Amino acid sequence: MSMLTDIAGAHPPRHARLGGRRDSPAAVGLAFVFLALVAVYMLLPVFWLLVSATKSQGDLVSTFGFWFAEMHLADNLRALFTEQDGVYLRWMVNSLLYAGLGAAVGTLLAALAGYALAKFPFRGRELVFSVILGGVLVPATALALPLFLLFAKLEATNTFWSVFLPSVVSPFGVYLSRIFAAASVPDELIEAARLDGAGEWRIFFTIALRLMSPALVTIFLFQFVVIWNNFLLPLVMLQDDRLYPVTLGLFTWQSQVSREPGLQILTVAGSLVSVVPIVITFLLLQRYWRAGLAAGAVKS
C-alpha cells in the first residue's frame, strides 16, 4: 500500500500537475454557449449572402431572407459574368492584381524594413520606428485626400498606379517584421555568414527571409485582405470603370438599383463570388500561418 501511495504521489493527476485547477462543467458549458453565439453572429451575414445569391430577383424581395427559395444560382452567375460585356470579371482581375501583387510587394518591403530596424544599429533608429508605429494609428480616411492631391500633382490619378502604390505601404507589417526578425534571426548566425564572406543582401534573402517566412505569411494575408476590401482609395482615385476593383464595381451597381432593379441580385451574387479568393488564399496559406503562430508561441 505504501508503494502505491508513493507512486501516486510521484505521479499526481494531470490537472494537479497543471496547477490543481479543474474547470467546472457549468463553466465549460457557459464558455461553449458563448463561443457558439459568437460564431453564429459572425457567420450569419455569410449565410444570408449564400442564401440570397441562390434566389431570383423576385424571391429576393418577397421571401424570408434566411431561407432558400427556388434555386437560381446558376442563372445568377451566368448573368453576373455577362452583364455589361463581362465587366465583373475584369473587376475581379483588377482586384487580384491590386491585392495579390500589392500584398507581395508590400510584404517584401516590410520584411526589408523590419529586418534593417532589428539588426542594423544606427542613429535615430528608434525615432524611425516610432514614426512607423505612428503610421499604424493614422486612419486610411485621413490619407485619402492627401494621396489624391499628390497623385493629381503628378497627373497620375485614374491609373493603376494610383491605387497600387499606396497599397504596398504597411506600417503594421514593418512592426511585425521587426519583432519577428529580432526573435527568430540569431545575431550569431548573421555573424557566421559574414565571416564566410556572404554579403548583406545574400544573408537576408538566403537566411533571414526563410527564418522570417511564418511572419511574412501573416503579413501577406493581412495585406491581401486589406487591399482586397479597400474601397475609399479607388473611389477617390478612379473614374474609369475598367480600372475598378470588385468592391467599387459592386458599389456602382448597387447605386443604380433604383433605375435597374435587376442589378440588386447581381450585386448579391457578385458579393458572394468576391469572397471566394480570400477563402482560397487563407486555405492555401493556412498551414504556414499556423506554423508561424506555433513558432511565436514557442519563442514567447
Protein backbone atom coordinates (compact mmCIF):
# COMPACT_ATOMS: atom_id res chain seq x y z
CA MET A 1 0.00 0.00 0.00
CA SER A 2 2.80 2.40 0.81
CA MET A 3 4.41 1.66 -2.56
CA LEU A 4 1.15 2.54 -4.35
CA THR A 5 0.90 5.70 -2.29
CA ASP A 6 4.46 6.67 -3.24
CA ILE A 7 3.74 6.06 -6.91
CA ALA A 8 0.56 8.13 -6.73
CA GLY A 9 2.46 10.89 -5.01
CA ALA A 10 5.23 10.78 -7.58
CA HIS A 11 2.75 10.98 -10.46
CA PRO A 12 -0.10 13.31 -9.45
CA PRO A 13 -3.14 13.70 -11.73
CA ARG A 14 -2.68 15.78 -14.84
CA HIS A 15 -4.91 18.60 -13.61
CA ALA A 16 -2.85 18.74 -10.41
CA ARG A 17 0.38 18.99 -12.39
CA LEU A 18 -1.13 21.84 -14.41
CA GLY A 19 -1.85 23.85 -11.29
CA GLY A 20 -4.53 21.86 -9.49
CA ARG A 21 -7.39 23.69 -11.20
CA ARG A 22 -10.22 21.88 -12.94
CA ASP A 23 -12.97 23.90 -14.62
CA SER A 24 -16.47 23.00 -13.57
CA PRO A 25 -18.89 21.58 -16.17
CA ALA A 26 -21.04 24.70 -15.80
CA ALA A 27 -18.10 26.97 -16.70
CA VAL A 28 -17.20 24.81 -19.70
CA GLY A 29 -20.81 24.79 -20.87
CA LEU A 30 -21.11 28.55 -20.46
CA ALA A 31 -17.93 29.11 -22.46
CA PHE A 32 -19.19 26.78 -25.20
CA VAL A 33 -22.53 28.62 -25.41
CA PHE A 34 -20.76 31.98 -25.58
CA LEU A 35 -18.42 30.82 -28.36
CA ALA A 36 -21.35 29.30 -30.25
CA LEU A 37 -23.23 32.61 -30.09
CA VAL A 38 -20.16 34.48 -31.32
CA ALA A 39 -19.76 32.01 -34.20
CA VAL A 40 -23.42 32.40 -35.19
CA TYR A 41 -23.09 36.19 -35.05
CA MET A 42 -20.02 36.04 -37.31
CA LEU A 43 -21.43 33.54 -39.81
CA LEU A 44 -24.99 34.82 -40.05
CA PRO A 45 -24.22 37.51 -42.71
CA VAL A 46 -22.31 34.92 -44.75
CA PHE A 47 -25.25 32.54 -44.55
CA TRP A 48 -27.63 35.30 -45.65
CA LEU A 49 -25.36 36.11 -48.58
CA LEU A 50 -25.20 32.44 -49.61
CA VAL A 51 -28.97 32.03 -49.39
CA SER A 52 -29.75 35.30 -51.19
CA ALA A 53 -27.38 34.53 -54.06
CA THR A 54 -29.46 31.44 -54.92
CA LYS A 55 -32.71 33.40 -55.34
CA SER A 56 -34.26 35.24 -58.25
CA GLN A 57 -34.79 38.98 -58.09
CA GLY A 58 -38.46 38.50 -57.20
CA ASP A 59 -37.74 35.95 -54.46
CA LEU A 60 -35.01 38.18 -53.03
CA VAL A 61 -37.52 40.85 -52.06
CA SER A 62 -40.56 38.67 -51.35
CA THR A 63 -39.26 35.68 -49.36
CA PHE A 64 -37.69 35.20 -45.94
CA GLY A 65 -34.09 36.34 -46.15
CA PHE A 66 -32.52 33.50 -44.16
CA TRP A 67 -34.02 30.54 -46.01
CA PHE A 68 -33.86 29.16 -49.52
CA ALA A 69 -36.45 29.55 -52.25
CA GLU A 70 -36.24 28.27 -55.83
CA MET A 71 -32.64 27.67 -56.88
CA HIS A 72 -31.41 30.28 -59.39
CA LEU A 73 -27.70 30.33 -58.54
CA ALA A 74 -26.54 29.17 -61.97
CA ASP A 75 -28.72 31.76 -63.73
CA ASN A 76 -27.44 34.50 -61.41
CA LEU A 77 -23.81 33.58 -62.04
CA ARG A 78 -24.38 33.46 -65.79
CA ALA A 79 -25.98 36.90 -65.70
CA LEU A 80 -23.24 38.20 -63.43
CA PHE A 81 -20.42 37.30 -65.80
CA THR A 82 -22.23 38.51 -68.90
CA GLU A 83 -23.53 41.84 -67.59
CA GLN A 84 -22.01 44.85 -69.42
CA ASP A 85 -19.83 42.61 -71.61
CA GLY A 86 -18.35 40.78 -68.65
CA VAL A 87 -17.13 43.80 -66.72
CA TYR A 88 -17.40 41.91 -63.41
CA LEU A 89 -14.65 39.51 -64.47
CA ARG A 90 -12.43 42.49 -65.26
CA TRP A 91 -13.13 43.90 -61.80
CA MET A 92 -12.10 40.60 -60.25
CA VAL A 93 -8.86 40.55 -62.23
CA ASN A 94 -8.16 44.13 -61.16
CA SER A 95 -8.71 43.20 -57.51
CA LEU A 96 -6.40 40.20 -57.84
CA LEU A 97 -3.69 42.45 -59.30
CA TYR A 98 -4.14 45.15 -56.68
CA ALA A 99 -4.33 42.72 -53.75
CA GLY A 100 -2.01 39.91 -54.88
CA LEU A 101 0.78 41.98 -56.33
CA GLY A 102 0.36 44.74 -53.75
CA ALA A 103 0.48 42.30 -50.84
CA ALA A 104 3.56 40.56 -52.26
CA VAL A 105 5.49 43.81 -52.82
CA GLY A 106 4.27 45.25 -49.51
CA THR A 107 5.36 42.12 -47.63
CA LEU A 108 8.84 42.25 -49.17
CA LEU A 109 9.24 45.95 -48.33
CA ALA A 110 8.02 45.35 -44.78
CA ALA A 111 10.46 42.46 -44.38
CA LEU A 112 13.37 44.58 -45.60
CA ALA A 113 12.48 47.48 -43.32
CA GLY A 114 11.76 45.30 -40.29
CA TYR A 115 14.97 43.32 -40.68
CA ALA A 116 17.03 46.51 -41.03
CA LEU A 117 15.44 48.05 -37.94
CA ALA A 118 16.05 44.88 -35.95
CA LYS A 119 19.61 44.00 -37.00
CA PHE A 120 21.36 47.24 -38.04
CA PRO A 121 22.02 49.73 -35.21
CA PHE A 122 22.14 53.32 -36.45
CA ARG A 123 21.49 56.75 -35.05
CA GLY A 124 17.79 57.60 -34.95
CA ARG A 125 16.63 54.01 -35.33
CA GLU A 126 14.10 54.21 -32.51
CA LEU A 127 12.81 57.53 -33.85
CA VAL A 128 12.22 55.96 -37.26
CA PHE A 129 10.46 53.03 -35.65
CA SER A 130 8.28 55.37 -33.58
CA VAL A 131 7.25 57.25 -36.73
CA ILE A 132 6.34 53.94 -38.37
CA LEU A 133 4.27 52.97 -35.34
CA GLY A 134 2.55 56.33 -35.61
CA GLY A 135 1.58 55.40 -39.16
CA VAL A 136 -0.37 52.43 -37.78
CA LEU A 137 -2.60 54.85 -35.86
CA VAL A 138 -3.44 57.05 -38.87
CA PRO A 139 -6.80 56.00 -40.40
CA ALA A 140 -6.97 55.41 -44.14
CA THR A 141 -9.73 58.02 -44.47
CA ALA A 142 -7.34 60.72 -43.28
CA LEU A 143 -4.84 59.82 -46.02
CA ALA A 144 -7.26 59.62 -48.96
CA LEU A 145 -7.39 63.34 -49.77
CA PRO A 146 -3.62 63.99 -49.39
CA LEU A 147 -2.89 60.99 -51.61
CA PHE A 148 -5.34 62.24 -54.22
CA LEU A 149 -3.73 65.70 -54.23
CA LEU A 150 -0.27 64.14 -54.50
CA PHE A 151 -1.18 61.91 -57.46
CA ALA A 152 -3.12 64.76 -59.07
CA LYS A 153 0.04 66.87 -58.91
CA LEU A 154 1.88 64.05 -60.68
CA GLU A 155 -1.02 63.64 -63.17
CA ALA A 156 -1.29 60.00 -62.13
CA THR A 157 -4.90 59.80 -60.94
CA ASN A 158 -7.24 57.38 -62.71
CA THR A 159 -4.36 54.97 -63.29
CA PHE A 160 -3.42 51.55 -61.97
CA TRP A 161 -0.52 53.08 -60.02
CA SER A 162 -2.72 55.50 -58.08
CA VAL A 163 -4.29 52.52 -56.29
CA PHE A 164 -1.35 50.11 -56.35
CA LEU A 165 1.46 52.28 -54.96
CA PRO A 166 -0.29 53.44 -51.75
CA SER A 167 -1.33 49.82 -51.11
CA VAL A 168 2.22 48.49 -50.80
CA VAL A 169 2.93 50.57 -47.67
CA SER A 170 2.23 48.61 -44.47
CA PRO A 171 3.39 50.17 -41.18
CA PHE A 172 1.91 47.24 -39.25
CA GLY A 173 3.86 44.86 -41.49
CA VAL A 174 7.10 46.69 -40.69
CA TYR A 175 6.32 46.50 -36.98
CA LEU A 176 5.59 42.77 -37.13
CA SER A 177 8.68 42.12 -39.27
CA ARG A 178 10.95 43.88 -36.80
CA ILE A 179 9.54 41.97 -33.84
CA PHE A 180 9.83 38.63 -35.60
CA ALA A 181 13.29 39.34 -37.06
CA ALA A 182 14.62 40.22 -33.63
CA ALA A 183 13.22 36.97 -32.19
CA SER A 184 13.86 34.48 -34.98
CA VAL A 185 17.09 35.56 -36.69
CA PRO A 186 20.05 34.99 -34.33
CA ASP A 187 22.84 37.56 -34.44
CA GLU A 188 25.36 34.70 -34.21
CA LEU A 189 24.04 33.22 -37.45
CA ILE A 190 24.40 36.57 -39.22
CA GLU A 191 27.95 37.00 -37.94
CA ALA A 192 28.85 33.47 -39.05
CA ALA A 193 27.52 34.19 -42.54
CA ARG A 194 29.53 37.40 -42.68
CA LEU A 195 32.69 35.54 -41.67
CA ASP A 196 32.03 33.12 -44.52
CA GLY A 197 32.05 36.07 -46.92
CA ALA A 198 28.31 36.45 -47.52
CA GLY A 199 27.06 39.95 -48.28
CA GLU A 200 24.14 41.60 -46.54
CA TRP A 201 21.70 41.02 -49.41
CA ARG A 202 22.65 37.36 -49.62
CA ILE A 203 22.24 36.95 -45.85
CA PHE A 204 18.81 38.50 -45.99
CA PHE A 205 17.45 36.54 -48.95
CA THR A 206 19.02 33.14 -48.12
CA ILE A 207 18.88 33.12 -44.32
CA ALA A 208 16.74 35.84 -42.74
CA LEU A 209 13.89 35.62 -45.24
CA ARG A 210 13.47 31.89 -44.64
CA LEU A 211 13.53 32.24 -40.86
CA MET A 212 11.01 35.08 -41.06
CA SER A 213 8.70 33.29 -43.50
CA PRO A 214 5.92 32.44 -40.98
CA ALA A 215 5.59 36.12 -40.05
CA LEU A 216 5.73 37.12 -43.71
CA VAL A 217 2.80 34.83 -44.49
CA THR A 218 0.81 36.57 -41.76
CA ILE A 219 1.74 39.98 -43.15
CA PHE A 220 0.79 38.87 -46.66
CA LEU A 221 -2.62 37.66 -45.51
CA PHE A 222 -3.38 40.85 -43.61
CA GLN A 223 -2.22 42.99 -46.50
CA PHE A 224 -4.14 40.93 -49.07
CA VAL A 225 -7.40 41.25 -47.14
CA VAL A 226 -6.92 44.98 -46.52
CA ILE A 227 -6.23 45.74 -50.19
CA TRP A 228 -9.00 43.44 -51.43
CA ASN A 229 -11.56 45.18 -49.21
CA ASN A 230 -10.22 48.66 -49.95
CA PHE A 231 -13.00 50.92 -51.16
CA LEU A 232 -12.25 54.55 -50.33
CA LEU A 233 -8.94 54.86 -52.18
CA PRO A 234 -10.25 53.52 -55.54
CA LEU A 235 -13.38 55.66 -55.10
CA VAL A 236 -11.23 58.78 -54.77
CA MET A 237 -8.64 57.91 -57.42
CA LEU A 238 -10.51 56.20 -60.25
CA GLN A 239 -13.07 57.36 -62.80
CA ASP A 240 -12.59 54.65 -65.45
CA ASP A 241 -14.77 51.66 -64.57
CA ARG A 242 -12.32 49.36 -66.38
CA LEU A 243 -9.85 50.02 -63.55
CA TYR A 244 -12.34 49.45 -60.73
CA PRO A 245 -11.70 46.75 -58.14
CA VAL A 246 -14.63 44.49 -57.37
CA THR A 247 -15.62 46.45 -54.24
CA LEU A 248 -16.06 49.71 -56.14
CA GLY A 249 -17.70 47.96 -59.08
CA LEU A 250 -20.34 46.35 -56.88
CA PHE A 251 -20.97 49.70 -55.22
CA THR A 252 -21.68 51.32 -58.58
CA TRP A 253 -24.16 48.55 -59.40
CA GLN A 254 -25.87 48.92 -56.04
CA SER A 255 -26.17 52.67 -56.53
CA GLN A 256 -28.04 52.04 -59.82
CA VAL A 257 -30.63 49.62 -58.35
CA SER A 258 -33.32 52.32 -58.25
CA ARG A 259 -33.07 52.61 -62.05
CA GLU A 260 -32.27 48.95 -62.81
CA PRO A 261 -33.72 46.67 -60.08
CA GLY A 262 -32.15 43.60 -61.70
CA LEU A 263 -28.73 44.78 -60.61
CA GLN A 264 -29.61 44.04 -56.99
CA ILE A 265 -29.40 40.27 -57.36
CA LEU A 266 -26.23 40.66 -59.43
CA THR A 267 -24.70 42.69 -56.61
CA VAL A 268 -25.56 39.96 -54.12
CA ALA A 269 -24.16 37.19 -56.35
CA GLY A 270 -21.07 39.27 -57.07
CA SER A 271 -20.50 39.81 -53.35
CA LEU A 272 -20.60 36.05 -52.79
CA VAL A 273 -18.12 35.40 -55.61
CA SER A 274 -15.82 38.14 -54.33
CA VAL A 275 -15.37 36.25 -51.04
CA VAL A 276 -14.03 33.15 -52.79
CA PRO A 277 -10.45 34.41 -53.49
CA ILE A 278 -10.00 35.40 -49.83
CA VAL A 279 -11.18 31.99 -48.65
CA ILE A 280 -8.90 30.21 -51.12
CA THR A 281 -5.92 32.33 -50.05
CA PHE A 282 -6.49 31.51 -46.39
CA LEU A 283 -6.87 27.79 -47.11
CA LEU A 284 -3.70 27.66 -49.22
CA LEU A 285 -1.60 29.51 -46.65
CA GLN A 286 -3.24 28.10 -43.54
CA ARG A 287 -0.54 25.59 -42.61
CA TYR A 288 2.21 28.20 -42.97
CA TRP A 289 0.22 30.65 -40.87
CA ARG A 290 -0.44 28.06 -38.16
CA ALA A 291 3.25 27.15 -38.16
CA GLY A 292 4.08 30.80 -37.60
CA LEU A 293 1.66 31.05 -34.69
CA ALA A 294 3.13 27.91 -33.14
CA ALA A 295 6.68 29.22 -33.59
CA GLY A 296 5.71 32.51 -32.00
CA ALA A 297 4.19 30.67 -29.04
CA VAL A 298 7.38 28.65 -28.52
CA LYS A 299 9.56 31.77 -28.73
CA SER A 300 7.47 33.68 -26.23
